[in-house]
C-alpha cells in the first residue's frame, strides 16, 4: 500500500545550485603587499595552483588507468579470437569427428 505524501512549499534553502542574485557582481582589484587582504589573496592563489596541480595529476593517473584497461581488453579480445579460430579450424578439418568416433561419442551439428 502506498504511503501518503506530504507536500511542503519550496524554500530558497532547498536549492543549492540556484543562480546568484542579479545585483551581485564579481569585483577584481589589485592588492598591495601592505594590505591585510594580501596574505589571504596569496594563500588563495597558492591553493588554486595546488588544486590545479592535483587535478592534472588525477587526470594523468586516470588516463594511465584507461590505457591499462584498454590494453588488457585488447589482449583478452585477441586471446578469445585465437580460441575461436582454433575451435573453428578443429571443426573444419574433421578432428572433432575423428575424436568422437575414437571415444564413441555421437556429434550432431544441428
N, C-alpha and C. Protein backbone atom coordinates (compact mmCIF):
# COMPACT_ATOMS: atom_id res chain seq x y z
N UNK A 1 0.85 -1.18 0.00
CA UNK A 1 0.00 0.00 0.00
C UNK A 1 0.89 1.24 0.00
N UNK A 2 0.63 2.18 -0.87
CA UNK A 2 1.47 3.38 -0.93
C UNK A 2 1.31 4.24 0.32
N UNK A 3 2.41 4.88 0.68
CA UNK A 3 2.38 5.76 1.84
C UNK A 3 1.90 7.14 1.44
N UNK A 4 1.26 7.86 2.33
CA UNK A 4 0.81 9.21 1.99
C UNK A 4 2.00 10.16 1.85
N UNK A 5 1.85 11.10 0.98
CA UNK A 5 2.90 12.07 0.72
C UNK A 5 2.45 13.43 1.24
N UNK A 6 3.37 14.09 1.91
CA UNK A 6 3.06 15.43 2.42
C UNK A 6 3.89 16.44 1.65
N UNK A 7 3.27 17.38 1.06
CA UNK A 7 3.95 18.40 0.27
C UNK A 7 4.25 19.61 1.14
N UNK A 8 5.43 20.20 0.91
CA UNK A 8 5.82 21.42 1.61
C UNK A 8 6.07 22.50 0.57
N UNK A 9 5.82 23.74 0.93
CA UNK A 9 6.16 24.81 -0.02
C UNK A 9 7.68 24.94 -0.15
N UNK A 10 8.13 25.27 -1.34
CA UNK A 10 9.57 25.39 -1.61
C UNK A 10 10.16 26.59 -0.89
N UNK A 11 11.39 26.41 -0.40
CA UNK A 11 12.14 27.49 0.24
C UNK A 11 13.45 27.67 -0.49
N UNK A 12 14.07 28.81 -0.32
CA UNK A 12 15.31 29.11 -1.01
C UNK A 12 16.42 28.14 -0.60
N UNK A 13 16.44 27.71 0.65
CA UNK A 13 17.49 26.82 1.15
C UNK A 13 17.47 25.45 0.48
N UNK A 14 16.35 25.07 -0.12
CA UNK A 14 16.24 23.76 -0.76
C UNK A 14 17.04 23.67 -2.06
N UNK A 15 17.36 24.79 -2.65
CA UNK A 15 18.01 24.81 -3.95
C UNK A 15 19.44 25.33 -3.80
N UNK A 16 20.39 24.39 -3.73
CA UNK A 16 21.79 24.77 -3.53
C UNK A 16 22.40 25.32 -4.81
N UNK A 17 21.89 24.90 -5.97
CA UNK A 17 22.51 25.31 -7.23
C UNK A 17 21.71 26.41 -7.94
N UNK A 18 21.10 27.25 -7.17
CA UNK A 18 20.31 28.32 -7.76
C UNK A 18 21.26 29.42 -8.28
N UNK A 19 20.85 30.18 -9.27
CA UNK A 19 21.71 31.25 -9.79
C UNK A 19 21.87 32.38 -8.77
N UNK A 20 22.97 33.09 -8.85
CA UNK A 20 23.18 34.19 -7.89
C UNK A 20 22.19 35.32 -8.15
N UNK A 21 21.92 36.09 -7.12
CA UNK A 21 21.02 37.24 -7.31
C UNK A 21 21.59 38.20 -8.36
N UNK A 22 20.72 38.87 -9.13
CA UNK A 22 21.21 39.73 -10.22
C UNK A 22 21.98 40.96 -9.75
N UNK A 23 21.82 41.41 -8.52
CA UNK A 23 22.50 42.63 -8.08
C UNK A 23 23.93 42.36 -7.62
N UNK A 24 24.35 41.11 -7.48
CA UNK A 24 25.73 40.80 -7.04
C UNK A 24 26.63 40.70 -8.25
N UNK A 25 27.80 41.34 -8.15
CA UNK A 25 28.78 41.31 -9.23
C UNK A 25 30.15 40.98 -8.65
N UNK A 26 30.96 40.32 -9.44
CA UNK A 26 32.32 39.99 -9.02
C UNK A 26 33.19 41.22 -9.22
N UNK A 27 33.94 41.57 -8.19
CA UNK A 27 34.83 42.71 -8.28
C UNK A 27 36.26 42.24 -8.21
N UNK A 28 37.09 42.76 -9.09
CA UNK A 28 38.51 42.41 -9.14
C UNK A 28 39.31 43.68 -8.90
N UNK A 29 40.35 43.57 -8.04
CA UNK A 29 41.19 44.74 -7.78
C UNK A 29 42.60 44.27 -7.43
N UNK A 30 43.58 45.14 -7.61
CA UNK A 30 44.96 44.86 -7.23
C UNK A 30 45.08 45.03 -5.72
N UNK A 31 45.84 44.14 -5.11
CA UNK A 31 46.05 44.21 -3.66
C UNK A 31 47.52 44.53 -3.42
N UNK A 32 47.77 45.57 -2.64
CA UNK A 32 49.16 45.94 -2.30
C UNK A 32 49.70 44.99 -1.23
N UNK A 33 51.01 44.79 -1.20
CA UNK A 33 51.59 43.91 -0.17
C UNK A 33 51.34 44.41 1.25
N UNK A 34 51.09 45.69 1.44
CA UNK A 34 50.83 46.21 2.78
C UNK A 34 49.36 46.01 3.21
N UNK A 35 48.53 45.63 2.26
CA UNK A 35 47.11 45.42 2.55
C UNK A 35 46.92 44.14 3.39
N UNK A 36 46.03 44.14 4.39
CA UNK A 36 45.82 42.93 5.20
C UNK A 36 45.22 41.76 4.39
N UNK A 37 44.55 42.07 3.29
CA UNK A 37 43.99 41.01 2.45
C UNK A 37 45.04 40.37 1.54
N UNK A 38 46.26 40.93 1.52
CA UNK A 38 47.31 40.41 0.65
C UNK A 38 47.67 38.97 1.02
N UNK A 39 47.76 38.68 2.30
CA UNK A 39 48.12 37.33 2.76
C UNK A 39 47.02 36.34 2.36
N UNK A 40 45.78 36.76 2.51
CA UNK A 40 44.65 35.90 2.15
C UNK A 40 44.67 35.64 0.64
N UNK A 41 44.89 36.70 -0.13
CA UNK A 41 44.92 36.55 -1.58
C UNK A 41 46.05 35.65 -2.01
N UNK A 42 47.22 35.78 -1.36
CA UNK A 42 48.37 34.95 -1.70
C UNK A 42 48.08 33.48 -1.37
N UNK A 43 47.45 33.23 -0.23
CA UNK A 43 47.10 31.86 0.14
C UNK A 43 46.09 31.26 -0.86
N UNK A 44 45.11 32.08 -1.25
CA UNK A 44 44.14 31.60 -2.23
C UNK A 44 44.80 31.29 -3.57
N UNK A 45 45.76 32.12 -3.96
CA UNK A 45 46.47 31.90 -5.21
C UNK A 45 47.27 30.61 -5.14
N UNK A 46 47.96 30.37 -4.03
CA UNK A 46 48.72 29.13 -3.86
C UNK A 46 47.79 27.92 -3.82
N UNK A 47 46.65 28.08 -3.18
CA UNK A 47 45.68 26.99 -3.12
C UNK A 47 45.15 26.65 -4.52
N UNK A 48 44.90 27.66 -5.33
CA UNK A 48 44.45 27.43 -6.71
C UNK A 48 45.51 26.68 -7.51
N UNK A 49 46.77 27.07 -7.34
CA UNK A 49 47.85 26.38 -8.04
C UNK A 49 47.96 24.92 -7.58
N UNK A 50 47.80 24.71 -6.27
CA UNK A 50 47.86 23.35 -5.73
C UNK A 50 46.72 22.50 -6.27
N UNK A 51 45.52 23.06 -6.29
CA UNK A 51 44.36 22.33 -6.81
C UNK A 51 44.55 22.00 -8.29
N UNK A 52 45.09 22.94 -9.04
CA UNK A 52 45.34 22.71 -10.46
C UNK A 52 46.34 21.57 -10.65
N UNK A 53 47.42 21.58 -9.87
CA UNK A 53 48.42 20.52 -9.97
C UNK A 53 47.81 19.16 -9.58
N UNK A 54 47.00 19.14 -8.53
CA UNK A 54 46.35 17.89 -8.13
C UNK A 54 45.40 17.39 -9.21
N UNK A 55 44.66 18.32 -9.81
CA UNK A 55 43.72 17.95 -10.86
C UNK A 55 44.46 17.36 -12.06
N UNK A 56 45.57 17.98 -12.46
CA UNK A 56 46.36 17.45 -13.58
C UNK A 56 46.92 16.07 -13.25
N UNK A 57 47.37 15.87 -12.01
CA UNK A 57 47.88 14.57 -11.61
C UNK A 57 46.78 13.51 -11.64
N UNK A 58 45.60 13.88 -11.19
CA UNK A 58 44.48 12.93 -11.22
C UNK A 58 44.08 12.58 -12.66
N UNK A 59 44.06 13.57 -13.52
CA UNK A 59 43.72 13.31 -14.93
C UNK A 59 44.77 12.41 -15.56
N UNK A 60 46.05 12.66 -15.27
CA UNK A 60 47.12 11.82 -15.80
C UNK A 60 46.97 10.39 -15.30
N UNK A 61 46.68 10.24 -14.01
CA UNK A 61 46.50 8.90 -13.43
C UNK A 61 45.30 8.20 -14.08
N UNK A 62 44.23 8.94 -14.29
CA UNK A 62 43.04 8.36 -14.90
C UNK A 62 43.34 7.91 -16.33
N UNK A 63 44.08 8.71 -17.09
CA UNK A 63 44.45 8.32 -18.45
C UNK A 63 45.31 7.07 -18.46
N UNK A 64 46.25 6.97 -17.52
CA UNK A 64 47.09 5.78 -17.42
C UNK A 64 46.24 4.55 -17.12
N UNK A 65 45.28 4.69 -16.20
CA UNK A 65 44.41 3.57 -15.87
C UNK A 65 43.56 3.15 -17.08
N UNK A 66 43.07 4.14 -17.83
CA UNK A 66 42.27 3.84 -19.01
C UNK A 66 43.11 3.13 -20.06
N UNK A 67 44.38 3.54 -20.22
CA UNK A 67 45.27 2.88 -21.18
C UNK A 67 45.55 1.43 -20.76
N UNK A 68 45.76 1.22 -19.46
CA UNK A 68 45.96 -0.14 -18.97
C UNK A 68 44.74 -1.01 -19.23
N UNK A 69 43.56 -0.45 -18.97
CA UNK A 69 42.32 -1.19 -19.19
C UNK A 69 42.14 -1.50 -20.67
N UNK A 70 42.42 -0.53 -21.53
CA UNK A 70 42.28 -0.75 -22.97
C UNK A 70 43.25 -1.83 -23.45
N UNK A 71 44.47 -1.80 -22.93
CA UNK A 71 45.45 -2.82 -23.30
C UNK A 71 45.00 -4.20 -22.84
N UNK A 72 44.50 -4.29 -21.61
CA UNK A 72 44.02 -5.57 -21.07
C UNK A 72 42.84 -6.09 -21.89
N UNK A 73 41.91 -5.21 -22.23
CA UNK A 73 40.76 -5.62 -23.02
C UNK A 73 41.18 -6.08 -24.41
N UNK A 74 42.17 -5.41 -24.99
CA UNK A 74 42.66 -5.81 -26.31
C UNK A 74 43.30 -7.19 -26.26
N UNK A 75 44.11 -7.43 -25.22
CA UNK A 75 44.73 -8.75 -25.07
C UNK A 75 43.68 -9.84 -24.87
N UNK A 76 42.66 -9.55 -24.06
CA UNK A 76 41.58 -10.52 -23.84
C UNK A 76 40.84 -10.81 -25.14
N UNK A 77 40.57 -9.78 -25.91
CA UNK A 77 39.89 -9.95 -27.19
C UNK A 77 40.71 -10.80 -28.14
N UNK A 78 42.01 -10.53 -28.22
CA UNK A 78 42.88 -11.33 -29.10
C UNK A 78 42.93 -12.78 -28.66
N UNK A 79 43.00 -13.01 -27.35
CA UNK A 79 43.04 -14.38 -26.84
C UNK A 79 41.75 -15.12 -27.17
N UNK A 80 40.62 -14.48 -26.94
CA UNK A 80 39.34 -15.11 -27.26
C UNK A 80 39.21 -15.37 -28.76
N UNK A 81 39.69 -14.47 -29.58
CA UNK A 81 39.63 -14.66 -31.03
C UNK A 81 40.48 -15.86 -31.44
N UNK A 82 41.66 -15.98 -30.85
CA UNK A 82 42.51 -17.13 -31.16
C UNK A 82 41.83 -18.44 -30.76
N UNK A 83 41.17 -18.44 -29.60
CA UNK A 83 40.46 -19.65 -29.15
C UNK A 83 39.37 -20.03 -30.15
N UNK A 84 38.58 -19.06 -30.58
CA UNK A 84 37.50 -19.36 -31.53
C UNK A 84 38.07 -19.80 -32.88
N UNK A 85 39.16 -19.20 -33.30
CA UNK A 85 39.81 -19.63 -34.55
C UNK A 85 40.28 -21.07 -34.43
N UNK A 86 40.86 -21.44 -33.29
CA UNK A 86 41.34 -22.79 -33.08
C UNK A 86 40.17 -23.78 -33.08
N UNK A 87 39.08 -23.43 -32.42
CA UNK A 87 37.90 -24.30 -32.40
C UNK A 87 37.35 -24.46 -33.81
N UNK A 88 37.28 -23.38 -34.56
CA UNK A 88 36.76 -23.44 -35.92
C UNK A 88 37.64 -24.30 -36.81
N UNK A 89 38.95 -24.16 -36.68
CA UNK A 89 39.85 -24.97 -37.51
C UNK A 89 39.75 -26.45 -37.16
N UNK A 90 39.57 -26.77 -35.90
CA UNK A 90 39.43 -28.18 -35.48
C UNK A 90 38.14 -28.77 -36.04
N UNK A 91 37.06 -27.98 -36.02
CA UNK A 91 35.79 -28.47 -36.55
C UNK A 91 35.88 -28.64 -38.06
N UNK A 92 36.54 -27.72 -38.75
CA UNK A 92 36.59 -27.76 -40.21
C UNK A 92 37.49 -28.88 -40.74
N UNK A 93 38.60 -29.17 -40.07
CA UNK A 93 39.49 -30.20 -40.62
C UNK A 93 39.09 -31.62 -40.21
N UNK A 94 38.02 -31.78 -39.45
CA UNK A 94 37.49 -33.11 -39.14
C UNK A 94 38.08 -33.76 -37.91
N UNK A 95 38.86 -33.05 -37.13
CA UNK A 95 39.46 -33.62 -35.93
C UNK A 95 38.39 -33.99 -34.91
N UNK A 96 37.34 -33.18 -34.82
CA UNK A 96 36.30 -33.47 -33.84
C UNK A 96 35.57 -34.75 -34.18
N UNK A 97 35.30 -34.98 -35.46
CA UNK A 97 34.60 -36.22 -35.83
C UNK A 97 35.47 -37.44 -35.56
N UNK A 98 36.79 -37.34 -35.82
CA UNK A 98 37.68 -38.47 -35.52
C UNK A 98 37.74 -38.74 -34.03
N UNK A 99 37.82 -37.68 -33.22
CA UNK A 99 37.84 -37.86 -31.77
C UNK A 99 36.52 -38.43 -31.27
N UNK A 100 35.42 -38.00 -31.88
CA UNK A 100 34.11 -38.52 -31.48
C UNK A 100 34.01 -40.01 -31.79
N UNK A 101 34.50 -40.43 -32.94
CA UNK A 101 34.49 -41.86 -33.27
C UNK A 101 35.39 -42.64 -32.33
N UNK A 102 36.56 -42.07 -32.02
CA UNK A 102 37.51 -42.76 -31.14
C UNK A 102 36.93 -42.98 -29.74
N UNK A 103 36.25 -41.96 -29.22
CA UNK A 103 35.69 -42.05 -27.86
C UNK A 103 34.26 -42.56 -27.84
N UNK A 104 33.69 -42.82 -28.97
CA UNK A 104 32.34 -43.37 -29.03
C UNK A 104 31.27 -42.35 -28.70
N UNK A 105 31.48 -41.12 -29.06
CA UNK A 105 30.51 -40.05 -28.79
C UNK A 105 29.85 -39.68 -30.11
N UNK A 106 28.56 -39.43 -30.05
CA UNK A 106 27.83 -39.03 -31.26
C UNK A 106 27.76 -37.51 -31.33
N UNK A 107 28.15 -36.96 -32.46
CA UNK A 107 28.10 -35.50 -32.66
C UNK A 107 26.98 -35.17 -33.62
N UNK A 108 26.11 -34.28 -33.22
CA UNK A 108 25.06 -33.77 -34.08
C UNK A 108 25.23 -32.27 -34.15
N UNK A 109 25.49 -31.75 -35.33
CA UNK A 109 25.67 -30.30 -35.50
C UNK A 109 24.37 -29.63 -35.93
N UNK A 110 23.30 -29.92 -35.25
CA UNK A 110 22.01 -29.35 -35.62
C UNK A 110 21.78 -28.07 -34.88
